[in-house]
N, C-alpha and C. Protein backbone atom coordinates (compact mmCIF):
# COMPACT_ATOMS: atom_id res chain seq x y z
N MET A 1 -56.66 -9.32 94.55
CA MET A 1 -55.41 -9.34 95.29
C MET A 1 -54.54 -8.19 94.81
N ALA A 2 -53.88 -7.53 95.72
CA ALA A 2 -53.00 -6.40 95.40
C ALA A 2 -51.73 -6.89 94.72
N ASP A 3 -51.01 -5.94 94.11
CA ASP A 3 -49.69 -6.28 93.56
C ASP A 3 -48.79 -6.74 94.69
N THR A 4 -47.85 -7.61 94.34
CA THR A 4 -46.93 -8.13 95.34
C THR A 4 -45.49 -7.88 94.92
N ARG A 5 -44.61 -8.10 95.86
CA ARG A 5 -43.17 -7.95 95.62
C ARG A 5 -42.43 -9.09 96.29
N GLY A 6 -41.15 -9.19 96.00
CA GLY A 6 -40.37 -10.26 96.57
C GLY A 6 -38.90 -9.90 96.62
N TYR A 7 -38.08 -10.90 96.82
CA TYR A 7 -36.64 -10.71 96.91
C TYR A 7 -35.97 -11.98 96.41
N ALA A 8 -34.72 -11.82 96.02
CA ALA A 8 -33.93 -12.97 95.57
C ALA A 8 -32.53 -12.83 96.15
N HIS A 9 -32.05 -13.91 96.73
CA HIS A 9 -30.69 -13.94 97.30
C HIS A 9 -29.97 -15.16 96.77
N ARG A 10 -28.66 -15.04 96.66
CA ARG A 10 -27.81 -16.16 96.28
C ARG A 10 -26.59 -16.14 97.17
N VAL A 11 -26.21 -17.32 97.64
CA VAL A 11 -24.97 -17.45 98.40
C VAL A 11 -24.28 -18.73 97.93
N ASP A 12 -22.98 -18.61 97.67
CA ASP A 12 -22.15 -19.76 97.28
C ASP A 12 -21.41 -20.23 98.52
N ILE A 13 -21.58 -21.50 98.86
CA ILE A 13 -21.01 -22.05 100.09
C ILE A 13 -20.11 -23.22 99.72
N ARG A 14 -18.89 -23.20 100.20
CA ARG A 14 -17.91 -24.23 99.85
C ARG A 14 -18.00 -25.44 100.79
N VAL A 15 -19.14 -26.10 100.73
CA VAL A 15 -19.35 -27.39 101.41
C VAL A 15 -20.29 -28.22 100.53
N VAL A 16 -20.38 -29.50 100.86
CA VAL A 16 -21.26 -30.37 100.08
C VAL A 16 -22.72 -29.98 100.30
N ILE A 17 -23.55 -30.25 99.33
CA ILE A 17 -24.95 -29.85 99.34
C ILE A 17 -25.71 -30.37 100.56
N ASP A 18 -25.38 -31.60 101.02
CA ASP A 18 -26.08 -32.17 102.17
C ASP A 18 -25.87 -31.35 103.44
N GLU A 19 -24.69 -30.76 103.61
CA GLU A 19 -24.44 -29.91 104.78
C GLU A 19 -25.35 -28.68 104.78
N VAL A 20 -25.51 -28.08 103.61
CA VAL A 20 -26.38 -26.90 103.50
C VAL A 20 -27.83 -27.32 103.73
N TRP A 21 -28.25 -28.41 103.13
CA TRP A 21 -29.63 -28.89 103.29
C TRP A 21 -29.94 -29.14 104.76
N GLN A 22 -29.07 -29.85 105.46
CA GLN A 22 -29.31 -30.15 106.87
C GLN A 22 -29.39 -28.87 107.70
N SER A 23 -28.67 -27.85 107.30
CA SER A 23 -28.70 -26.58 108.01
C SER A 23 -30.02 -25.83 107.80
N LEU A 24 -30.77 -26.21 106.79
CA LEU A 24 -32.08 -25.61 106.55
C LEU A 24 -33.20 -26.33 107.30
N ILE A 25 -33.01 -27.62 107.59
CA ILE A 25 -34.13 -28.40 108.13
C ILE A 25 -33.94 -28.93 109.54
N GLU A 26 -32.72 -28.90 110.08
CA GLU A 26 -32.49 -29.40 111.43
C GLU A 26 -32.51 -28.25 112.43
N PRO A 27 -33.39 -28.29 113.42
CA PRO A 27 -33.50 -27.19 114.38
C PRO A 27 -32.19 -26.80 115.05
N ALA A 28 -31.37 -27.78 115.45
CA ALA A 28 -30.10 -27.45 116.11
C ALA A 28 -29.19 -26.66 115.17
N ARG A 29 -29.19 -27.01 113.91
CA ARG A 29 -28.36 -26.29 112.94
C ARG A 29 -28.95 -24.93 112.62
N LEU A 30 -30.28 -24.85 112.53
CA LEU A 30 -30.93 -23.55 112.31
C LEU A 30 -30.58 -22.57 113.43
N ALA A 31 -30.49 -23.08 114.64
CA ALA A 31 -30.17 -22.23 115.79
C ALA A 31 -28.78 -21.60 115.65
N ARG A 32 -27.87 -22.27 114.97
CA ARG A 32 -26.50 -21.75 114.81
C ARG A 32 -26.45 -20.51 113.93
N TRP A 33 -27.36 -20.40 112.97
CA TRP A 33 -27.24 -19.30 112.00
C TRP A 33 -28.50 -18.46 111.83
N TYR A 34 -29.65 -18.94 112.33
CA TYR A 34 -30.87 -18.17 112.06
C TYR A 34 -31.79 -17.99 113.25
N ALA A 35 -32.33 -19.07 113.77
CA ALA A 35 -33.37 -18.92 114.79
C ALA A 35 -33.25 -19.98 115.88
N PRO A 36 -32.90 -19.56 117.09
CA PRO A 36 -32.94 -20.51 118.21
C PRO A 36 -34.39 -20.96 118.43
N GLN A 37 -34.56 -22.12 118.94
CA GLN A 37 -35.87 -22.68 119.28
C GLN A 37 -36.74 -22.97 118.07
N ALA A 38 -36.13 -23.14 116.89
CA ALA A 38 -36.90 -23.50 115.71
C ALA A 38 -37.48 -24.90 115.87
N ARG A 39 -38.65 -25.10 115.27
CA ARG A 39 -39.26 -26.43 115.23
C ARG A 39 -39.58 -26.75 113.77
N VAL A 40 -39.13 -27.91 113.33
CA VAL A 40 -39.31 -28.29 111.94
C VAL A 40 -39.80 -29.73 111.87
N ASP A 41 -40.89 -29.93 111.15
CA ASP A 41 -41.36 -31.27 110.79
C ASP A 41 -40.99 -31.42 109.32
N ALA A 42 -39.78 -31.90 109.07
CA ALA A 42 -39.15 -31.87 107.74
C ALA A 42 -39.71 -32.95 106.82
N ARG A 43 -40.76 -32.60 106.12
CA ARG A 43 -41.40 -33.48 105.14
C ARG A 43 -42.41 -32.65 104.35
N GLU A 44 -42.76 -33.13 103.18
CA GLU A 44 -43.82 -32.45 102.43
C GLU A 44 -45.09 -32.51 103.26
N GLY A 45 -45.73 -31.37 103.43
CA GLY A 45 -46.91 -31.29 104.28
C GLY A 45 -46.57 -31.00 105.74
N GLY A 46 -45.28 -30.92 106.04
CA GLY A 46 -44.83 -30.66 107.41
C GLY A 46 -44.90 -29.18 107.75
N SER A 47 -44.27 -28.82 108.85
CA SER A 47 -44.34 -27.44 109.32
C SER A 47 -42.94 -26.91 109.64
N PHE A 48 -42.86 -25.59 109.64
CA PHE A 48 -41.61 -24.87 109.87
C PHE A 48 -41.98 -23.70 110.76
N TRP A 49 -41.47 -23.67 111.99
CA TRP A 49 -41.85 -22.66 112.97
C TRP A 49 -40.59 -22.01 113.51
N LEU A 50 -40.50 -20.68 113.39
CA LEU A 50 -39.29 -19.96 113.77
C LEU A 50 -39.63 -18.72 114.59
N PRO A 51 -39.23 -18.68 115.85
CA PRO A 51 -39.33 -17.42 116.58
C PRO A 51 -38.09 -16.59 116.25
N VAL A 52 -38.24 -15.64 115.34
CA VAL A 52 -37.11 -14.86 114.88
C VAL A 52 -36.61 -13.92 115.98
N ASP A 53 -37.54 -13.25 116.63
CA ASP A 53 -37.22 -12.40 117.78
C ASP A 53 -38.50 -12.17 118.57
N ALA A 54 -38.47 -11.27 119.55
CA ALA A 54 -39.63 -11.04 120.41
C ALA A 54 -40.84 -10.54 119.62
N ASP A 55 -40.62 -9.89 118.50
CA ASP A 55 -41.71 -9.30 117.73
C ASP A 55 -42.18 -10.14 116.55
N LEU A 56 -41.44 -11.15 116.18
CA LEU A 56 -41.77 -11.86 114.95
C LEU A 56 -41.56 -13.37 115.09
N THR A 57 -42.64 -14.11 114.90
CA THR A 57 -42.59 -15.55 114.81
C THR A 57 -43.16 -15.92 113.44
N ARG A 58 -42.44 -16.75 112.73
CA ARG A 58 -42.88 -17.16 111.39
C ARG A 58 -43.26 -18.63 111.43
N GLU A 59 -44.44 -18.92 110.93
CA GLU A 59 -44.93 -20.28 110.88
C GLU A 59 -45.32 -20.59 109.44
N ALA A 60 -44.83 -21.72 108.94
CA ALA A 60 -45.07 -22.05 107.54
C ALA A 60 -45.43 -23.51 107.36
N HIS A 61 -46.10 -23.75 106.26
CA HIS A 61 -46.41 -25.10 105.77
C HIS A 61 -45.33 -25.45 104.76
N ILE A 62 -44.76 -26.65 104.85
CA ILE A 62 -43.77 -27.10 103.87
C ILE A 62 -44.53 -27.65 102.67
N ASP A 63 -44.54 -26.86 101.61
CA ASP A 63 -45.29 -27.19 100.41
C ASP A 63 -44.50 -28.11 99.47
N VAL A 64 -43.20 -27.84 99.34
CA VAL A 64 -42.33 -28.67 98.50
C VAL A 64 -41.14 -29.09 99.35
N TYR A 65 -40.86 -30.39 99.35
CA TYR A 65 -39.75 -30.95 100.12
C TYR A 65 -39.06 -31.97 99.24
N LEU A 66 -37.94 -31.55 98.62
CA LEU A 66 -37.19 -32.40 97.70
C LEU A 66 -35.73 -32.42 98.12
N PRO A 67 -35.39 -33.22 99.13
CA PRO A 67 -34.01 -33.26 99.62
C PRO A 67 -33.03 -33.71 98.53
N PRO A 68 -31.88 -33.15 98.46
CA PRO A 68 -31.39 -31.92 99.09
C PRO A 68 -31.46 -30.74 98.13
N ARG A 69 -32.51 -30.64 97.34
CA ARG A 69 -32.56 -29.66 96.26
C ARG A 69 -33.52 -28.49 96.47
N ARG A 70 -34.66 -28.74 97.11
CA ARG A 70 -35.66 -27.67 97.17
C ARG A 70 -36.51 -27.78 98.43
N LEU A 71 -36.75 -26.62 99.03
CA LEU A 71 -37.62 -26.49 100.20
C LEU A 71 -38.46 -25.23 99.98
N ARG A 72 -39.77 -25.42 99.86
CA ARG A 72 -40.64 -24.25 99.68
C ARG A 72 -41.58 -24.14 100.86
N LEU A 73 -41.58 -22.95 101.46
CA LEU A 73 -42.38 -22.66 102.64
C LEU A 73 -43.50 -21.68 102.27
N ILE A 74 -44.71 -22.00 102.67
CA ILE A 74 -45.84 -21.09 102.51
C ILE A 74 -46.22 -20.64 103.92
N TYR A 75 -46.08 -19.35 104.18
CA TYR A 75 -46.26 -18.83 105.53
C TYR A 75 -47.72 -18.58 105.87
N MET A 76 -48.03 -18.83 107.13
CA MET A 76 -49.35 -18.53 107.66
C MET A 76 -49.47 -17.00 107.80
N PRO A 77 -50.71 -16.48 107.77
CA PRO A 77 -50.88 -15.03 107.94
C PRO A 77 -50.27 -14.55 109.25
N LEU A 78 -49.70 -13.36 109.20
CA LEU A 78 -49.08 -12.77 110.39
C LEU A 78 -50.10 -11.94 111.16
N PRO A 79 -50.17 -12.15 112.47
CA PRO A 79 -51.09 -11.34 113.28
C PRO A 79 -50.71 -9.86 113.19
N GLY A 80 -51.71 -9.02 113.14
CA GLY A 80 -51.47 -7.58 113.11
C GLY A 80 -51.24 -7.02 111.72
N MET A 81 -51.20 -7.86 110.71
CA MET A 81 -51.01 -7.37 109.34
C MET A 81 -52.37 -7.33 108.65
N PRO A 82 -52.52 -6.45 107.67
CA PRO A 82 -53.80 -6.36 106.96
C PRO A 82 -54.17 -7.69 106.29
N ASP A 83 -55.46 -7.92 106.17
CA ASP A 83 -55.95 -9.13 105.50
C ASP A 83 -56.03 -8.84 104.00
N ASP A 84 -54.91 -9.02 103.32
CA ASP A 84 -54.82 -8.74 101.88
C ASP A 84 -54.79 -10.03 101.07
N ASP A 85 -55.21 -11.14 101.68
CA ASP A 85 -55.12 -12.45 101.02
C ASP A 85 -53.69 -12.73 100.57
N ALA A 86 -52.73 -12.24 101.34
CA ALA A 86 -51.32 -12.42 101.00
C ALA A 86 -50.91 -13.88 101.21
N VAL A 87 -50.17 -14.41 100.25
CA VAL A 87 -49.57 -15.73 100.36
C VAL A 87 -48.06 -15.51 100.23
N ILE A 88 -47.39 -15.46 101.37
CA ILE A 88 -45.95 -15.20 101.38
C ILE A 88 -45.20 -16.53 101.32
N VAL A 89 -44.25 -16.60 100.41
CA VAL A 89 -43.54 -17.84 100.11
C VAL A 89 -42.04 -17.59 100.15
N ASP A 90 -41.31 -18.53 100.72
CA ASP A 90 -39.84 -18.59 100.60
C ASP A 90 -39.52 -19.91 99.92
N ASP A 91 -38.77 -19.83 98.84
CA ASP A 91 -38.41 -21.01 98.06
C ASP A 91 -36.88 -21.13 98.05
N PHE A 92 -36.36 -22.16 98.72
CA PHE A 92 -34.92 -22.41 98.79
C PHE A 92 -34.55 -23.42 97.71
N LEU A 93 -33.64 -23.04 96.84
CA LEU A 93 -33.19 -23.90 95.74
C LEU A 93 -31.70 -24.13 95.90
N LEU A 94 -31.30 -25.39 95.95
CA LEU A 94 -29.89 -25.74 96.14
C LEU A 94 -29.36 -26.46 94.91
N HIS A 95 -28.12 -26.15 94.59
CA HIS A 95 -27.47 -26.74 93.42
C HIS A 95 -25.99 -26.93 93.75
N SER A 96 -25.45 -28.07 93.36
CA SER A 96 -24.02 -28.28 93.60
C SER A 96 -23.28 -28.19 92.28
N GLU A 97 -22.07 -27.65 92.36
CA GLU A 97 -21.22 -27.49 91.18
C GLU A 97 -19.81 -27.92 91.52
N VAL A 98 -19.08 -28.19 90.47
CA VAL A 98 -17.65 -28.47 90.63
C VAL A 98 -16.98 -27.14 90.95
N ALA A 99 -16.05 -27.16 91.88
CA ALA A 99 -15.33 -25.94 92.25
C ALA A 99 -14.62 -25.38 91.02
N PRO A 100 -14.57 -24.05 90.90
CA PRO A 100 -13.88 -23.44 89.76
C PRO A 100 -12.38 -23.75 89.78
N PRO A 101 -11.71 -23.57 88.64
CA PRO A 101 -10.27 -23.82 88.58
C PRO A 101 -9.52 -23.06 89.67
N GLY A 102 -8.57 -23.72 90.29
CA GLY A 102 -7.78 -23.10 91.35
C GLY A 102 -8.40 -23.23 92.72
N LYS A 103 -9.63 -23.71 92.79
CA LYS A 103 -10.32 -23.91 94.07
C LYS A 103 -10.57 -25.40 94.24
N SER A 104 -10.51 -25.87 95.47
CA SER A 104 -10.76 -27.29 95.70
C SER A 104 -12.02 -27.45 96.54
N GLY A 105 -12.54 -28.64 96.55
CA GLY A 105 -13.69 -28.93 97.39
C GLY A 105 -15.01 -28.71 96.69
N ALA A 106 -16.06 -28.95 97.43
CA ALA A 106 -17.42 -28.84 96.91
C ALA A 106 -17.87 -27.38 96.89
N LEU A 107 -18.87 -27.11 96.06
CA LEU A 107 -19.49 -25.79 96.01
C LEU A 107 -20.99 -26.00 95.92
N THR A 108 -21.71 -25.42 96.87
CA THR A 108 -23.17 -25.46 96.83
C THR A 108 -23.67 -24.04 96.63
N ILE A 109 -24.57 -23.89 95.69
CA ILE A 109 -25.21 -22.61 95.43
C ILE A 109 -26.60 -22.68 96.03
N LEU A 110 -26.89 -21.76 96.94
CA LEU A 110 -28.20 -21.67 97.56
C LEU A 110 -28.86 -20.39 97.07
N ARG A 111 -30.03 -20.55 96.48
CA ARG A 111 -30.82 -19.40 96.06
C ARG A 111 -32.08 -19.38 96.91
N LEU A 112 -32.46 -18.20 97.35
CA LEU A 112 -33.70 -18.02 98.10
C LEU A 112 -34.54 -17.02 97.32
N LEU A 113 -35.73 -17.44 96.95
CA LEU A 113 -36.68 -16.57 96.26
C LEU A 113 -37.87 -16.36 97.18
N GLY A 114 -38.05 -15.13 97.62
CA GLY A 114 -39.19 -14.79 98.46
C GLY A 114 -40.21 -14.06 97.61
N SER A 115 -41.50 -14.33 97.85
CA SER A 115 -42.53 -13.69 97.03
C SER A 115 -43.83 -13.55 97.81
N GLY A 116 -44.73 -12.78 97.23
CA GLY A 116 -46.08 -12.67 97.76
C GLY A 116 -46.32 -11.58 98.79
N ILE A 117 -45.33 -10.73 99.03
CA ILE A 117 -45.52 -9.67 100.02
C ILE A 117 -46.27 -8.52 99.36
N PRO A 118 -47.44 -8.16 99.88
CA PRO A 118 -48.22 -7.10 99.24
C PRO A 118 -47.44 -5.80 99.10
N ASP A 119 -47.72 -5.11 98.01
CA ASP A 119 -47.04 -3.85 97.70
C ASP A 119 -47.85 -2.69 98.26
N GLY A 120 -47.91 -2.61 99.56
CA GLY A 120 -48.65 -1.54 100.22
C GLY A 120 -47.85 -1.01 101.39
N GLN A 121 -48.14 0.21 101.78
CA GLN A 121 -47.38 0.86 102.84
C GLN A 121 -47.41 0.07 104.14
N ALA A 122 -48.52 -0.57 104.43
CA ALA A 122 -48.63 -1.35 105.67
C ALA A 122 -47.64 -2.52 105.69
N TRP A 123 -47.16 -2.94 104.52
CA TRP A 123 -46.26 -4.08 104.42
C TRP A 123 -44.80 -3.67 104.21
N ASP A 124 -44.54 -2.40 104.04
CA ASP A 124 -43.18 -1.93 103.73
C ASP A 124 -42.15 -2.37 104.77
N GLN A 125 -42.45 -2.16 106.03
CA GLN A 125 -41.48 -2.48 107.09
C GLN A 125 -41.18 -3.98 107.12
N LEU A 126 -42.22 -4.82 107.00
CA LEU A 126 -42.01 -6.26 107.00
C LEU A 126 -41.20 -6.67 105.78
N TYR A 127 -41.51 -6.11 104.62
CA TYR A 127 -40.78 -6.45 103.40
C TYR A 127 -39.29 -6.15 103.56
N LEU A 128 -38.98 -4.95 104.04
CA LEU A 128 -37.57 -4.58 104.21
C LEU A 128 -36.89 -5.47 105.26
N ARG A 129 -37.63 -5.79 106.29
CA ARG A 129 -37.07 -6.64 107.35
C ARG A 129 -36.77 -8.05 106.84
N LEU A 130 -37.69 -8.62 106.07
CA LEU A 130 -37.48 -9.97 105.54
C LEU A 130 -36.35 -9.98 104.51
N ARG A 131 -36.38 -9.03 103.60
CA ARG A 131 -35.35 -8.98 102.56
C ARG A 131 -33.96 -8.81 103.17
N GLY A 132 -33.80 -7.85 104.05
CA GLY A 132 -32.51 -7.61 104.69
C GLY A 132 -32.13 -8.69 105.68
N GLY A 133 -33.13 -9.21 106.39
CA GLY A 133 -32.86 -10.26 107.37
C GLY A 133 -32.33 -11.53 106.72
N TRP A 134 -32.95 -11.92 105.60
CA TRP A 134 -32.47 -13.11 104.90
C TRP A 134 -31.07 -12.90 104.33
N GLU A 135 -30.80 -11.71 103.84
CA GLU A 135 -29.46 -11.44 103.30
C GLU A 135 -28.40 -11.68 104.38
N HIS A 136 -28.62 -11.12 105.57
CA HIS A 136 -27.67 -11.30 106.67
C HIS A 136 -27.64 -12.75 107.16
N ALA A 137 -28.80 -13.38 107.24
CA ALA A 137 -28.86 -14.76 107.73
C ALA A 137 -28.11 -15.71 106.81
N LEU A 138 -28.23 -15.52 105.51
CA LEU A 138 -27.53 -16.42 104.58
C LEU A 138 -26.02 -16.24 104.66
N LEU A 139 -25.58 -15.04 104.95
CA LEU A 139 -24.14 -14.84 105.17
C LEU A 139 -23.68 -15.53 106.46
N ARG A 140 -24.53 -15.53 107.49
CA ARG A 140 -24.20 -16.27 108.72
C ARG A 140 -24.18 -17.77 108.45
N LEU A 141 -25.09 -18.25 107.61
CA LEU A 141 -25.09 -19.66 107.23
C LEU A 141 -23.77 -20.02 106.55
N LYS A 142 -23.35 -19.21 105.61
CA LYS A 142 -22.08 -19.44 104.90
C LYS A 142 -20.92 -19.48 105.90
N ALA A 143 -20.88 -18.51 106.81
CA ALA A 143 -19.79 -18.44 107.79
C ALA A 143 -19.81 -19.64 108.73
N SER A 144 -21.00 -20.15 109.03
CA SER A 144 -21.09 -21.28 109.96
C SER A 144 -20.68 -22.60 109.32
N LEU A 145 -20.71 -22.68 108.00
CA LEU A 145 -20.44 -23.94 107.32
C LEU A 145 -19.07 -24.03 106.67
N GLU A 146 -18.58 -22.94 106.14
CA GLU A 146 -17.31 -23.02 105.43
C GLU A 146 -16.16 -23.21 106.39
N PRO A 147 -15.22 -24.04 106.01
CA PRO A 147 -14.06 -24.23 106.87
C PRO A 147 -13.19 -22.98 106.91
N LEU A 148 -12.50 -22.82 108.00
CA LEU A 148 -11.53 -21.73 108.10
C LEU A 148 -10.41 -21.97 107.10
N PRO A 149 -9.75 -20.92 106.65
CA PRO A 149 -8.62 -21.13 105.75
C PRO A 149 -7.60 -22.09 106.39
N GLY A 150 -7.16 -23.06 105.62
CA GLY A 150 -6.19 -24.04 106.13
C GLY A 150 -6.84 -25.20 106.85
N SER A 151 -8.16 -25.16 107.03
CA SER A 151 -8.88 -26.24 107.70
C SER A 151 -9.70 -26.99 106.67
N LYS A 152 -9.90 -28.27 106.86
CA LYS A 152 -10.72 -29.05 105.93
C LYS A 152 -12.05 -29.44 106.55
N GLN A 153 -12.29 -29.03 107.75
CA GLN A 153 -13.48 -29.45 108.47
C GLN A 153 -14.59 -28.43 108.30
N ALA A 154 -15.77 -28.86 107.81
CA ALA A 154 -16.92 -27.97 107.71
C ALA A 154 -17.38 -27.59 109.10
N GLY A 155 -17.91 -26.41 109.22
CA GLY A 155 -18.43 -25.96 110.50
C GLY A 155 -17.35 -25.64 111.51
N ALA A 156 -16.12 -25.43 111.04
CA ALA A 156 -15.02 -25.17 111.95
C ALA A 156 -15.09 -23.80 112.59
N ARG A 157 -15.90 -22.95 112.02
CA ARG A 157 -15.99 -21.59 112.51
C ARG A 157 -17.40 -21.34 113.04
N LYS A 158 -17.50 -20.65 114.15
CA LYS A 158 -18.81 -20.28 114.68
C LYS A 158 -19.32 -19.09 113.89
N PRO A 159 -20.65 -19.03 113.64
CA PRO A 159 -21.18 -17.91 112.88
C PRO A 159 -21.10 -16.63 113.69
N PRO A 160 -21.04 -15.48 112.99
CA PRO A 160 -21.05 -14.22 113.72
C PRO A 160 -22.39 -14.06 114.43
N PRO A 161 -22.45 -13.26 115.47
CA PRO A 161 -23.72 -13.10 116.19
C PRO A 161 -24.74 -12.43 115.28
N ALA A 162 -26.01 -12.74 115.55
CA ALA A 162 -27.09 -12.12 114.79
C ALA A 162 -27.11 -10.62 115.09
N PRO A 163 -27.48 -9.80 114.10
CA PRO A 163 -27.54 -8.37 114.35
C PRO A 163 -28.59 -8.05 115.42
N LYS A 164 -28.33 -7.05 116.23
CA LYS A 164 -29.27 -6.61 117.26
C LYS A 164 -30.42 -5.90 116.59
N LYS A 165 -31.61 -6.14 117.08
CA LYS A 165 -32.79 -5.50 116.49
C LYS A 165 -33.30 -4.43 117.40
């Protein structure tokens, strides 16, 4: 197997952990910040299917399902990519903390660790797309969940539109 690479993202979201968890596993909520028409069989051994855009559909096996703390996805091979025995993984880790002094409300820390993308030129474009795409998507997730200033209701703000590809 060739050398691999990955990415790590962190986003702090000022809502309770269950709100963030549901936004990862419920198709209607996924549509608000990441992928319309998502299909999720939310359980260990279940499936996660996301048509990201016209050129990319991601299908994964749910390897670890520990509500509301951890969701690990192992992706199926992508058509048109080299057969490098690649095992691409996204591991979502959620943690709740007490809000820092001067801040009120809940704080959920979401970390996403992506791994297993082969370190070869044929994979460069996909690697950059996944790394950058997740960075933007997690910011849309934060925007879709955090209340507007002066509001106490989660989800009071609609997420910004997804970037045009």
